[in-house]
Amino acid sequence: MIRKIIFYENHFIDLYSAQNEKFKTKIQYVFELIRQVERIPEKFLKNLSGHKGLYEIRISYQSESHRIFCCFDEGKLVVLFNFFCKKSQKTPPNELEKADRLMKEYFLTKR
């Protein structure tokens, strides 16, 4: 295993648990890629410019785009924050603000 994935609070888990089994399987597939592939294709994980340290995990399922915001900690740990269905080309500003806030909280509480 190259990376470990953890969840910050319940922001991701609450939404994940409400999904159907096929979609959960797709999410697990992408998580396995992130855990084990050294260079993850941008199709699955993208650095968000303008948001230092914030990334989005990208999952397409049944013609919908889903995003899970995350960051790296200690180089190998992926911390998951919020999760939403992307309905347009532009990421909703409130979701980005929430992810930025959660990432700052995570690093503050870790100290």
Protein backbone atom coordinates (compact mmCIF):
# COMPACT_ATOMS: atom_id res chain seq x y z
CA MET A 1 0.00 0.00 0.00
CA ILE A 2 1.34 3.42 -0.98
CA ARG A 3 -1.28 5.59 0.77
CA LYS A 4 -3.72 5.34 3.64
CA ILE A 5 -7.17 6.98 3.43
CA ILE A 6 -8.81 8.44 6.53
CA PHE A 7 -12.01 10.42 7.03
CA TYR A 8 -12.21 13.74 8.82
CA GLU A 9 -15.30 13.72 11.02
CA ASN A 10 -18.46 12.32 9.34
CA HIS A 11 -18.80 14.65 6.34
CA PHE A 12 -17.94 11.95 3.81
CA ILE A 13 -19.29 8.90 5.65
CA ASP A 14 -22.80 10.31 6.10
CA LEU A 15 -23.26 10.83 2.36
CA TYR A 16 -21.44 7.65 1.38
CA SER A 17 -23.67 5.46 3.53
CA ALA A 18 -26.78 6.80 1.74
CA GLN A 19 -25.54 5.65 -1.72
CA ASN A 20 -26.55 2.46 -3.53
CA GLU A 21 -24.21 -0.54 -3.58
CA LYS A 22 -23.10 -0.14 -7.22
CA PHE A 23 -22.02 3.44 -6.60
CA LYS A 24 -20.24 2.46 -3.37
CA THR A 25 -18.35 -0.18 -5.38
CA LYS A 26 -17.24 2.48 -7.87
CA ILE A 27 -16.06 4.72 -5.01
CA GLN A 28 -14.10 1.81 -3.49
CA TYR A 29 -12.48 1.14 -6.88
CA VAL A 30 -11.23 4.73 -7.09
CA PHE A 31 -10.03 4.57 -3.46
CA GLU A 32 -8.00 1.45 -4.29
CA LEU A 33 -6.36 3.31 -7.17
CA ILE A 34 -5.46 6.15 -4.82
CA ARG A 35 -4.12 3.74 -2.22
CA GLN A 36 -1.97 1.70 -4.57
CA VAL A 37 -1.05 3.59 -7.75
CA GLU A 38 2.01 5.82 -7.47
CA ARG A 39 0.96 8.34 -10.15
CA ILE A 40 -2.82 8.67 -10.05
CA PRO A 41 -4.33 9.86 -13.35
CA GLU A 42 -5.93 13.34 -13.21
CA LYS A 43 -9.15 11.66 -14.32
CA PHE A 44 -9.42 10.36 -10.74
CA LEU A 45 -7.49 12.89 -8.61
CA LYS A 46 -6.88 16.54 -9.40
CA ASN A 47 -5.08 19.32 -7.55
CA LEU A 48 -7.34 22.37 -7.23
CA SER A 49 -5.44 25.46 -8.30
CA GLY A 50 -6.04 28.44 -6.05
CA HIS A 51 -6.75 26.17 -3.07
CA LYS A 52 -3.38 25.26 -1.60
CA GLY A 53 -3.19 21.60 -0.67
CA LEU A 54 -6.78 20.79 -1.66
CA TYR A 55 -7.55 18.01 -4.15
CA GLU A 56 -10.69 16.53 -5.61
CA ILE A 57 -11.30 12.85 -6.12
CA ARG A 58 -13.34 12.53 -9.29
CA ILE A 59 -15.91 9.80 -9.72
CA SER A 60 -18.30 9.44 -12.64
CA TYR A 61 -21.32 7.24 -12.16
CA GLN A 62 -24.43 6.95 -14.33
CA SER A 63 -23.61 10.12 -16.29
CA GLU A 64 -23.15 12.15 -13.09
CA SER A 65 -19.92 13.63 -11.81
CA HIS A 66 -19.21 13.31 -8.12
CA ARG A 67 -16.44 14.99 -6.18
CA ILE A 68 -14.81 14.20 -2.86
CA PHE A 69 -12.52 16.89 -1.52
CA CYS A 70 -9.36 15.74 0.22
CA CYS A 71 -5.78 16.64 1.06
CA PHE A 72 -2.55 14.80 1.71
CA ASP A 73 -0.97 14.67 5.14
CA GLU A 74 2.58 13.47 5.74
CA GLY A 75 2.80 12.73 2.03
CA LYS A 76 1.00 9.41 2.09
CA LEU A 77 -2.22 9.93 4.03
CA VAL A 78 -5.32 11.05 2.17
CA VAL A 79 -7.85 12.87 4.35
CA LEU A 80 -11.41 12.96 2.99
CA PHE A 81 -13.74 15.88 3.60
CA ASN A 82 -17.02 16.72 1.85
CA PHE A 83 -18.65 14.81 -0.99
CA PHE A 84 -21.19 16.10 -3.53
CA CYS A 85 -22.69 15.60 -6.98
CA LYS A 86 -21.33 18.15 -9.43
CA LYS A 87 -24.22 19.47 -11.53
CA SER A 88 -22.35 22.00 -13.70
CA GLN A 89 -18.89 22.71 -15.09
CA LYS A 90 -18.07 25.00 -12.19
CA THR A 91 -17.60 23.66 -8.68
CA PRO A 92 -20.07 25.30 -6.29
CA PRO A 93 -18.24 27.98 -4.25
CA ASN A 94 -19.94 26.87 -1.01
CA GLU A 95 -18.52 23.33 -1.43
CA LEU A 96 -15.01 24.73 -1.99
CA GLU A 97 -15.34 27.02 1.04
CA LYS A 98 -16.51 24.10 3.15
CA ALA A 99 -13.57 21.95 2.00
CA ASP A 100 -11.07 24.76 2.71
CA ARG A 101 -12.58 25.25 6.18
CA LEU A 102 -12.53 21.51 6.96
CA MET A 103 -8.92 21.18 5.81
CA LYS A 104 -7.85 24.08 8.07
CA GLU A 105 -9.80 22.56 11.00
CA TYR A 106 -8.15 19.18 10.41
CA PHE A 107 -4.63 20.58 10.55
CA LEU A 108 -5.44 22.78 13.57
CA THR A 109 -6.92 19.88 15.57
CA LYS A 110 -4.00 17.65 14.60
CA ARG A 111 -1.44 19.91 16.29
